[in-house]
Amino acid sequence: MTQLTHFNQSGEAHMVDVGDKAITSRTAITEGFISMQDDTLRLIESGQHKKGDVLGIARIAGIMASKKTADLIPLCHPLPITHVEIKLTPQPENGGVHCLTTVKTQGQTGVEMEALTATQIALLTIYDMCKAVDRGMVMHSIQLLEKSGGKSGHWCR
């Protein structure tokens, strides 16, 4: 069984030393979904929301969040992110908005946490902007789809 790396031999939490690891190209792809009422989705799609471009603002919030991940997750390394792409796609057939995030870096540790944080914050921003008309929205299925780079190589769900 693989050991948890964020604990030392005494069981104390610590930041993993990645100083001796090779710098490699690393990518993480994540997704998530926010379900909502049909009227809420139509409001977002029409661009008539009084707060502005819901998906555009959510995209920017997700990008900003990816860059702040190390400030939010205690043992996460700060990383020089080289690329963030967030695709927010209204899916009327599924009753909500799908978020697909890709984050890249050249570094000594992966960007899975940055991609997951970006996805979650993009969805939270949609919730925040639309909660006045739909408090019953649900964020779900937030997950890592794929990661590449580093010693462990490629992983795909």
Protein backbone atom coordinates (compact mmCIF):
# COMPACT_ATOMS: atom_id res chain seq x y z
CA MET A 1 0.00 0.00 0.00
CA THR A 2 1.26 3.49 -0.88
CA GLN A 3 2.15 5.67 2.11
CA LEU A 4 0.57 9.08 2.67
CA THR A 5 3.32 11.55 1.81
CA HIS A 6 2.11 14.50 3.90
CA PHE A 7 3.02 12.79 7.19
CA ASN A 8 6.52 12.14 8.51
CA GLN A 9 7.58 8.94 10.30
CA SER A 10 6.26 10.35 13.58
CA GLY A 11 2.83 10.94 12.04
CA GLU A 12 3.22 14.73 11.98
CA ALA A 13 1.98 16.74 9.00
CA HIS A 14 4.75 18.21 6.85
CA MET A 15 5.27 19.65 3.40
CA VAL A 16 6.77 17.06 1.07
CA ASP A 17 10.32 17.86 -0.09
CA VAL A 18 10.21 17.97 -3.89
CA GLY A 19 13.62 19.63 -4.25
CA ASP A 20 15.33 16.57 -5.72
CA LYS A 21 12.53 15.73 -8.16
CA ALA A 22 13.01 16.37 -11.86
CA ILE A 23 11.29 19.32 -13.49
CA THR A 24 8.82 17.90 -15.99
CA SER A 25 5.86 19.09 -18.00
CA ARG A 26 2.75 18.46 -15.91
CA THR A 27 -0.92 18.67 -16.80
CA ALA A 28 -4.13 18.02 -14.91
CA ILE A 29 -7.66 17.93 -16.31
CA THR A 30 -10.66 18.10 -14.01
CA GLU A 31 -14.39 18.47 -14.34
CA GLY A 32 -17.45 19.35 -12.33
CA PHE A 33 -21.10 20.19 -12.78
CA ILE A 34 -23.62 22.55 -11.26
CA SER A 35 -27.28 21.56 -11.53
CA MET A 36 -29.93 24.27 -11.50
CA GLN A 37 -33.49 25.13 -12.44
CA ASP A 38 -34.19 25.47 -16.16
CA ASP A 39 -35.11 29.16 -15.71
CA THR A 40 -31.74 29.83 -14.05
CA LEU A 41 -29.85 28.21 -16.91
CA ARG A 42 -31.87 30.20 -19.46
CA LEU A 43 -31.01 33.40 -17.59
CA ILE A 44 -27.30 32.53 -17.76
CA GLU A 45 -27.43 31.55 -21.44
CA SER A 46 -29.37 34.66 -22.47
CA GLY A 47 -26.83 36.98 -20.85
CA GLN A 48 -29.68 38.81 -19.14
CA HIS A 49 -28.47 38.25 -15.58
CA LYS A 50 -28.34 41.63 -13.85
CA LYS A 51 -24.91 40.81 -12.37
CA GLY A 52 -23.38 40.41 -15.83
CA ASP A 53 -21.69 37.61 -17.76
CA VAL A 54 -22.01 34.74 -15.27
CA LEU A 55 -19.84 32.27 -17.17
CA GLY A 56 -17.18 34.84 -18.04
CA ILE A 57 -16.85 35.94 -14.43
CA ALA A 58 -16.83 32.32 -13.23
CA ARG A 59 -14.04 31.53 -15.71
CA ILE A 60 -11.89 34.39 -14.40
CA ALA A 61 -12.61 33.36 -10.78
CA GLY A 62 -11.47 29.80 -11.54
CA ILE A 63 -8.26 30.99 -13.17
CA MET A 64 -7.52 33.26 -10.22
CA ALA A 65 -8.25 30.43 -7.78
CA SER A 66 -5.84 28.07 -9.52
CA LYS A 67 -3.06 30.58 -8.83
CA LYS A 68 -4.03 30.82 -5.13
CA THR A 69 -4.25 27.09 -4.39
CA ALA A 70 -1.15 27.01 -2.18
CA ASP A 71 -2.70 29.79 -0.06
CA LEU A 72 -5.83 27.70 0.49
CA ILE A 73 -4.54 24.15 0.98
CA PRO A 74 -2.03 24.04 3.84
CA LEU A 75 0.58 21.58 2.48
CA CYS A 76 0.27 22.43 -1.21
CA HIS A 77 3.37 23.79 -2.97
CA PRO A 78 3.15 27.16 -4.75
CA LEU A 79 3.62 26.46 -8.45
CA PRO A 80 4.48 28.55 -11.51
CA ILE A 81 1.36 27.80 -13.53
CA THR A 82 1.97 28.15 -17.26
CA HIS A 83 -1.57 27.64 -18.58
CA VAL A 84 -5.15 27.49 -17.31
CA GLU A 85 -8.14 26.81 -19.53
CA ILE A 86 -11.67 26.64 -18.16
CA LYS A 87 -14.55 25.65 -20.42
CA LEU A 88 -18.01 26.32 -18.99
CA THR A 89 -20.66 24.68 -21.13
CA PRO A 90 -24.39 25.09 -20.53
CA GLN A 91 -26.06 21.69 -20.83
CA PRO A 92 -29.84 22.15 -20.92
CA GLU A 93 -30.25 18.40 -21.49
CA ASN A 94 -28.57 17.80 -18.09
CA GLY A 95 -30.03 20.82 -16.31
CA GLY A 96 -26.91 22.85 -15.60
CA VAL A 97 -23.39 23.90 -16.50
CA HIS A 98 -20.41 21.58 -17.05
CA CYS A 99 -16.92 22.82 -16.16
CA LEU A 100 -13.81 21.35 -17.77
CA THR A 101 -10.47 22.68 -16.51
CA THR A 102 -6.94 22.12 -17.79
CA VAL A 103 -3.93 23.38 -15.83
CA LYS A 104 -0.28 23.07 -16.89
CA THR A 105 3.13 23.78 -15.39
CA GLN A 106 6.79 22.92 -15.72
CA GLY A 107 7.64 21.79 -12.24
CA GLN A 108 8.59 19.26 -9.60
CA THR A 109 5.07 18.44 -8.47
CA GLY A 110 1.70 18.08 -10.16
CA VAL A 111 -1.14 20.54 -10.72
CA GLU A 112 -4.08 18.33 -9.76
CA MET A 113 -4.98 20.51 -6.77
CA GLU A 114 -4.81 23.66 -8.87
CA ALA A 115 -7.16 22.20 -11.46
CA LEU A 116 -9.60 20.90 -8.84
CA THR A 117 -9.57 24.26 -7.04
CA ALA A 118 -10.21 26.12 -10.31
CA THR A 119 -13.16 23.87 -11.14
CA GLN A 120 -14.72 24.19 -7.70
CA ILE A 121 -14.32 27.98 -7.53
CA ALA A 122 -15.72 28.46 -11.04
CA LEU A 123 -18.81 26.48 -9.97
CA LEU A 124 -19.03 28.34 -6.64
CA THR A 125 -18.96 31.63 -8.53
CA ILE A 126 -21.90 30.52 -10.67
CA TYR A 127 -23.71 29.62 -7.46
CA ASP A 128 -22.88 32.97 -5.88
CA MET A 129 -24.04 34.96 -8.89
CA CYS A 130 -27.30 33.01 -9.25
CA LYS A 131 -28.26 32.21 -5.65
CA ALA A 132 -30.80 35.05 -5.53
CA VAL A 133 -32.91 33.25 -8.12
CA ASP A 134 -32.02 29.60 -7.34
CA ARG A 135 -30.75 28.59 -3.90
CA GLY A 136 -31.24 24.90 -4.74
CA MET A 137 -28.30 24.63 -7.15
CA VAL A 138 -26.03 21.63 -6.51
CA MET A 139 -22.35 21.29 -7.37
CA HIS A 140 -21.30 17.71 -7.97
CA SER A 141 -19.08 15.24 -9.80
CA ILE A 142 -15.96 17.32 -9.20
CA GLN A 143 -13.13 14.98 -10.12
CA LEU A 144 -9.74 14.49 -11.67
CA LEU A 145 -10.08 13.13 -15.20
CA GLU A 146 -6.44 12.94 -16.22
CA LYS A 147 -2.93 13.88 -15.10
CA SER A 148 0.42 13.59 -16.78
CA GLY A 149 4.04 14.19 -15.92
CA GLY A 150 6.30 13.34 -13.03
CA LYS A 151 7.54 10.02 -11.75
CA SER A 152 4.08 8.44 -11.65
CA GLY A 153 3.49 9.32 -15.32
CA HIS A 154 0.12 9.38 -17.02
CA TRP A 155 -3.15 8.60 -15.24
CA CYS A 156 -6.60 8.66 -16.80
CA ARG A 157 -9.96 8.01 -15.15
